[in-house]
N, C-alpha and C. Protein backbone atom coordinates (compact mmCIF):
# COMPACT_ATOMS: atom_id res chain seq x y z
N MET A 1 9.03 16.82 5.71
CA MET A 1 8.87 17.30 4.36
C MET A 1 7.45 17.84 4.21
N ASN A 2 7.31 19.01 3.63
CA ASN A 2 5.98 19.64 3.59
C ASN A 2 5.06 19.06 2.52
N THR A 3 5.51 18.06 1.78
CA THR A 3 4.62 17.39 0.82
C THR A 3 4.35 15.95 1.21
N LEU A 4 4.64 15.59 2.45
CA LEU A 4 4.38 14.25 2.97
C LEU A 4 3.27 14.37 4.00
N TYR A 5 2.15 13.68 3.75
CA TYR A 5 1.01 13.74 4.65
C TYR A 5 0.70 12.33 5.14
N ILE A 6 0.67 12.16 6.46
CA ILE A 6 0.33 10.87 7.04
C ILE A 6 -0.84 11.07 7.99
N ASN A 7 -1.95 10.42 7.68
CA ASN A 7 -3.16 10.52 8.49
C ASN A 7 -3.62 9.11 8.85
N THR A 8 -2.78 8.42 9.62
CA THR A 8 -3.06 7.04 10.02
C THR A 8 -2.71 6.91 11.49
N LYS A 9 -3.66 6.52 12.29
CA LYS A 9 -3.42 6.45 13.74
C LYS A 9 -2.70 5.18 14.16
N LYS A 10 -2.89 4.07 13.45
CA LYS A 10 -2.29 2.80 13.85
C LYS A 10 -1.28 2.36 12.79
N ILE A 11 0.01 2.52 13.13
CA ILE A 11 1.09 2.15 12.23
C ILE A 11 2.04 1.23 13.00
N GLY A 12 2.32 0.07 12.44
CA GLY A 12 3.23 -0.88 13.07
C GLY A 12 4.67 -0.41 13.00
N LYS A 13 5.54 -1.11 13.71
CA LYS A 13 6.95 -0.73 13.73
C LYS A 13 7.59 -1.00 12.37
N GLY A 14 8.67 -0.30 12.10
CA GLY A 14 9.43 -0.54 10.88
C GLY A 14 8.97 0.25 9.67
N LEU A 15 8.23 1.35 9.87
CA LEU A 15 7.81 2.20 8.75
C LEU A 15 9.05 2.76 8.06
N PHE A 16 9.13 2.63 6.73
CA PHE A 16 10.25 3.15 5.95
C PHE A 16 9.70 3.95 4.78
N ILE A 17 10.02 5.24 4.74
CA ILE A 17 9.60 6.11 3.66
C ILE A 17 10.86 6.62 2.97
N ALA A 18 11.07 6.18 1.74
CA ALA A 18 12.21 6.65 0.95
C ALA A 18 11.69 7.71 -0.02
N HIS A 19 12.30 8.85 -0.01
CA HIS A 19 11.88 9.93 -0.93
C HIS A 19 10.39 10.23 -0.74
N GLY A 20 10.00 10.71 0.40
CA GLY A 20 8.60 10.94 0.74
C GLY A 20 7.93 12.06 -0.02
N PHE A 21 8.56 12.56 -1.07
CA PHE A 21 8.00 13.66 -1.84
C PHE A 21 6.62 13.32 -2.38
N SER A 22 5.68 14.18 -2.12
CA SER A 22 4.34 14.10 -2.68
C SER A 22 3.62 12.79 -2.33
N CYS A 23 3.73 12.35 -1.07
CA CYS A 23 3.05 11.15 -0.60
C CYS A 23 1.88 11.52 0.31
N ILE A 24 0.80 10.80 0.14
CA ILE A 24 -0.35 10.92 1.02
C ILE A 24 -0.65 9.52 1.53
N ILE A 25 -0.62 9.36 2.85
CA ILE A 25 -0.87 8.05 3.46
C ILE A 25 -2.00 8.20 4.46
N SER A 26 -3.16 7.71 4.09
CA SER A 26 -4.34 7.77 4.94
C SER A 26 -4.98 6.39 4.93
N ALA A 27 -4.59 5.57 5.89
CA ALA A 27 -5.10 4.20 5.96
C ALA A 27 -5.82 3.99 7.28
N GLU A 28 -6.71 3.01 7.30
CA GLU A 28 -7.37 2.64 8.55
C GLU A 28 -6.31 2.11 9.53
N SER A 29 -5.40 1.27 9.00
CA SER A 29 -4.27 0.79 9.79
C SER A 29 -3.19 0.31 8.83
N ILE A 30 -1.95 0.31 9.35
CA ILE A 30 -0.79 -0.14 8.59
C ILE A 30 -0.02 -1.10 9.47
N GLY A 31 0.30 -2.26 8.93
CA GLY A 31 1.05 -3.26 9.68
C GLY A 31 2.52 -2.93 9.80
N GLU A 32 3.29 -3.90 10.23
CA GLU A 32 4.73 -3.72 10.43
C GLU A 32 5.47 -3.72 9.09
N ASN A 33 6.59 -3.01 9.10
CA ASN A 33 7.52 -3.00 7.96
C ASN A 33 6.87 -2.51 6.66
N PHE A 34 6.11 -1.43 6.76
CA PHE A 34 5.52 -0.80 5.58
C PHE A 34 6.60 0.04 4.91
N TRP A 35 6.77 -0.14 3.61
CA TRP A 35 7.85 0.48 2.85
C TRP A 35 7.20 1.22 1.69
N VAL A 36 7.49 2.53 1.55
CA VAL A 36 6.83 3.34 0.53
C VAL A 36 7.83 4.28 -0.14
N LEU A 37 7.65 4.48 -1.44
CA LEU A 37 8.49 5.40 -2.21
C LEU A 37 7.71 6.66 -2.56
N GLN A 38 8.32 7.54 -3.35
CA GLN A 38 7.77 8.85 -3.67
C GLN A 38 6.49 8.79 -4.49
N GLN A 39 5.69 9.84 -4.33
CA GLN A 39 4.47 10.08 -5.08
C GLN A 39 3.44 8.95 -4.95
N VAL A 40 3.36 8.37 -3.77
CA VAL A 40 2.39 7.32 -3.49
C VAL A 40 1.17 7.91 -2.81
N THR A 41 0.01 7.41 -3.18
CA THR A 41 -1.24 7.80 -2.52
C THR A 41 -1.89 6.55 -1.94
N VAL A 42 -2.15 6.58 -0.65
CA VAL A 42 -2.90 5.54 0.03
C VAL A 42 -4.05 6.27 0.70
N GLY A 43 -5.28 5.98 0.29
CA GLY A 43 -6.37 6.74 0.87
C GLY A 43 -7.74 6.31 0.46
N SER A 44 -8.70 7.16 0.79
CA SER A 44 -10.10 6.82 0.63
C SER A 44 -10.64 7.20 -0.74
N ALA A 45 -11.71 6.57 -1.05
CA ALA A 45 -12.47 6.89 -2.25
C ALA A 45 -13.94 6.69 -1.91
N HIS A 46 -14.53 7.69 -1.30
CA HIS A 46 -15.96 7.66 -0.98
C HIS A 46 -16.39 6.43 -0.20
N GLY A 47 -15.86 6.25 0.98
CA GLY A 47 -16.35 5.15 1.78
C GLY A 47 -15.35 4.47 2.68
N GLY A 48 -14.14 4.94 2.76
CA GLY A 48 -13.23 4.36 3.72
C GLY A 48 -11.82 4.23 3.21
N ASP A 49 -10.93 4.04 4.16
CA ASP A 49 -9.51 3.92 3.89
C ASP A 49 -9.08 2.46 3.86
N PRO A 50 -7.97 2.15 3.18
CA PRO A 50 -7.47 0.78 3.12
C PRO A 50 -6.90 0.29 4.44
N VAL A 51 -6.82 -1.02 4.56
CA VAL A 51 -6.11 -1.68 5.65
C VAL A 51 -4.89 -2.33 5.00
N ILE A 52 -3.72 -2.00 5.51
CA ILE A 52 -2.46 -2.47 4.95
C ILE A 52 -1.86 -3.51 5.90
N GLY A 53 -1.49 -4.67 5.38
CA GLY A 53 -0.92 -5.74 6.19
C GLY A 53 0.54 -5.52 6.51
N ASN A 54 1.21 -6.58 6.98
CA ASN A 54 2.63 -6.55 7.32
C ASN A 54 3.48 -6.79 6.08
N ASN A 55 4.68 -6.21 6.10
CA ASN A 55 5.67 -6.44 5.04
C ASN A 55 5.14 -6.08 3.66
N VAL A 56 4.56 -4.89 3.56
CA VAL A 56 4.02 -4.41 2.29
C VAL A 56 4.95 -3.34 1.74
N ARG A 57 5.25 -3.44 0.43
CA ARG A 57 6.07 -2.44 -0.25
C ARG A 57 5.23 -1.81 -1.36
N VAL A 58 5.20 -0.46 -1.37
CA VAL A 58 4.46 0.27 -2.39
C VAL A 58 5.47 1.13 -3.16
N PHE A 59 5.61 0.86 -4.44
CA PHE A 59 6.63 1.50 -5.24
C PHE A 59 6.14 2.83 -5.82
N ALA A 60 7.06 3.59 -6.38
CA ALA A 60 6.84 4.98 -6.81
C ALA A 60 5.59 5.15 -7.65
N GLY A 61 4.81 6.18 -7.29
CA GLY A 61 3.66 6.58 -8.07
C GLY A 61 2.42 5.72 -7.93
N ALA A 62 2.47 4.69 -7.11
CA ALA A 62 1.32 3.79 -6.97
C ALA A 62 0.20 4.44 -6.17
N LYS A 63 -1.02 3.98 -6.42
CA LYS A 63 -2.20 4.43 -5.69
C LYS A 63 -2.90 3.21 -5.11
N VAL A 64 -3.26 3.28 -3.83
CA VAL A 64 -4.03 2.25 -3.14
C VAL A 64 -5.26 2.97 -2.60
N ILE A 65 -6.41 2.73 -3.22
CA ILE A 65 -7.56 3.59 -3.01
C ILE A 65 -8.79 2.79 -2.58
N GLY A 66 -9.46 3.27 -1.55
CA GLY A 66 -10.74 2.72 -1.14
C GLY A 66 -10.67 1.84 0.08
N LYS A 67 -11.81 1.35 0.48
CA LYS A 67 -11.93 0.48 1.66
C LYS A 67 -11.60 -0.94 1.23
N ILE A 68 -10.30 -1.18 1.04
CA ILE A 68 -9.82 -2.48 0.58
C ILE A 68 -8.78 -3.00 1.56
N LYS A 69 -8.40 -4.26 1.37
CA LYS A 69 -7.38 -4.86 2.23
C LYS A 69 -6.20 -5.29 1.38
N ILE A 70 -5.02 -4.85 1.80
CA ILE A 70 -3.77 -5.28 1.19
C ILE A 70 -3.17 -6.29 2.17
N GLY A 71 -3.02 -7.53 1.73
CA GLY A 71 -2.56 -8.60 2.60
C GLY A 71 -1.12 -8.46 3.04
N ASN A 72 -0.62 -9.47 3.71
CA ASN A 72 0.77 -9.51 4.17
C ASN A 72 1.70 -9.91 3.03
N ASN A 73 2.91 -9.40 3.08
CA ASN A 73 3.95 -9.77 2.10
C ASN A 73 3.53 -9.44 0.67
N VAL A 74 3.06 -8.22 0.47
CA VAL A 74 2.57 -7.78 -0.83
C VAL A 74 3.48 -6.69 -1.39
N ASP A 75 3.73 -6.75 -2.70
CA ASP A 75 4.39 -5.68 -3.44
C ASP A 75 3.36 -5.05 -4.36
N VAL A 76 3.32 -3.71 -4.35
CA VAL A 76 2.48 -2.96 -5.28
C VAL A 76 3.44 -2.24 -6.22
N GLY A 77 3.38 -2.58 -7.50
CA GLY A 77 4.32 -2.08 -8.48
C GLY A 77 4.19 -0.59 -8.74
N ALA A 78 5.24 -0.03 -9.32
CA ALA A 78 5.27 1.40 -9.65
C ALA A 78 4.08 1.77 -10.53
N ASN A 79 3.43 2.86 -10.17
CA ASN A 79 2.29 3.44 -10.90
C ASN A 79 1.05 2.56 -10.94
N ALA A 80 1.01 1.48 -10.18
CA ALA A 80 -0.19 0.64 -10.13
C ALA A 80 -1.33 1.43 -9.47
N VAL A 81 -2.55 1.09 -9.85
CA VAL A 81 -3.73 1.67 -9.22
C VAL A 81 -4.54 0.51 -8.65
N VAL A 82 -4.49 0.36 -7.33
CA VAL A 82 -5.13 -0.77 -6.65
C VAL A 82 -6.46 -0.31 -6.08
N VAL A 83 -7.54 -0.94 -6.54
CA VAL A 83 -8.88 -0.59 -6.08
C VAL A 83 -9.65 -1.81 -5.57
N LYS A 84 -8.97 -2.98 -5.53
CA LYS A 84 -9.57 -4.21 -5.01
C LYS A 84 -8.60 -4.85 -4.04
N ASP A 85 -9.12 -5.73 -3.19
CA ASP A 85 -8.28 -6.46 -2.23
C ASP A 85 -7.14 -7.17 -2.94
N VAL A 86 -5.99 -7.24 -2.25
CA VAL A 86 -4.83 -7.98 -2.75
C VAL A 86 -4.52 -9.04 -1.70
N PRO A 87 -4.49 -10.32 -2.09
CA PRO A 87 -4.25 -11.39 -1.11
C PRO A 87 -2.80 -11.42 -0.64
N ASP A 88 -2.57 -12.14 0.46
CA ASP A 88 -1.22 -12.33 0.99
C ASP A 88 -0.28 -12.87 -0.09
N ASN A 89 1.00 -12.54 0.07
CA ASN A 89 2.07 -13.11 -0.75
C ASN A 89 1.87 -12.87 -2.24
N SER A 90 1.49 -11.64 -2.60
CA SER A 90 1.18 -11.32 -3.99
C SER A 90 1.93 -10.09 -4.47
N THR A 91 1.97 -9.95 -5.80
CA THR A 91 2.47 -8.74 -6.44
C THR A 91 1.38 -8.21 -7.35
N ALA A 92 1.05 -6.93 -7.21
CA ALA A 92 0.00 -6.30 -8.00
C ALA A 92 0.61 -5.19 -8.85
N VAL A 93 0.27 -5.18 -10.15
CA VAL A 93 0.79 -4.16 -11.07
C VAL A 93 -0.30 -3.74 -12.03
N GLY A 94 -0.11 -2.58 -12.66
CA GLY A 94 -0.98 -2.14 -13.74
C GLY A 94 -2.07 -1.19 -13.31
N VAL A 95 -2.84 -0.77 -14.34
CA VAL A 95 -3.95 0.17 -14.16
C VAL A 95 -5.16 -0.40 -14.90
N PRO A 96 -6.17 -0.87 -14.22
CA PRO A 96 -6.20 -1.13 -12.77
C PRO A 96 -5.29 -2.31 -12.44
N ALA A 97 -4.89 -2.37 -11.20
CA ALA A 97 -3.92 -3.38 -10.78
C ALA A 97 -4.49 -4.79 -10.91
N ARG A 98 -3.61 -5.71 -11.29
CA ARG A 98 -3.95 -7.13 -11.36
C ARG A 98 -2.83 -7.91 -10.68
N ILE A 99 -3.13 -9.08 -10.24
CA ILE A 99 -2.15 -9.92 -9.56
C ILE A 99 -1.31 -10.62 -10.63
N ILE A 100 0.02 -10.43 -10.56
CA ILE A 100 0.88 -11.13 -11.52
C ILE A 100 1.69 -12.23 -10.86
N LYS A 101 1.74 -12.20 -9.54
CA LYS A 101 2.48 -13.23 -8.80
C LYS A 101 1.72 -13.51 -7.52
N ARG A 102 1.54 -14.79 -7.24
CA ARG A 102 0.88 -15.17 -6.00
C ARG A 102 1.54 -16.44 -5.50
N ASP A 103 2.22 -16.33 -4.39
CA ASP A 103 2.87 -17.49 -3.77
C ASP A 103 1.88 -18.15 -2.83
N ILE A 104 1.62 -19.40 -3.07
CA ILE A 104 0.70 -20.15 -2.22
C ILE A 104 1.54 -21.04 -1.32
N PRO A 105 1.42 -20.88 0.00
CA PRO A 105 2.19 -21.71 0.91
C PRO A 105 1.94 -23.20 0.66
N THR A 106 2.97 -24.01 0.83
CA THR A 106 2.85 -25.46 0.61
C THR A 106 2.73 -26.24 1.90
N ASP A 107 2.53 -25.57 3.02
CA ASP A 107 2.41 -26.25 4.32
C ASP A 107 1.22 -27.16 4.35
C-alpha cells in the first residue's frame, strides 16, 4: 500500500497490520506479535524512536512518539497520544495518554 511506511530494521515475528492505510512505523525495534490498525504513527520526536515490546496492540489513529519504551502486553487505545513510557501489562488511552489498566503479576 503506498500510504504504509515502515522504517524499522528489527521487527519480531508475528507482525499484523490490519488496514495499513496512512500508517507510519519508525521504531528502534519492535517485539513479537505487534498488531497495528489504520492511521497509526509510531516514530520520533526530536531525539529518537520508540522501542516496542512483545504482544503490543496499537488501535486506530494512535500516536506513539519519541524515545520511549512500550512494555510487553500493552494496548494503546484508539487516538491515544503516547509520549511517555508505558509499563508491561498496561492499557494506555487519551491525549496525552494515561494508564487506565495495569495488571501486576501475583507471582
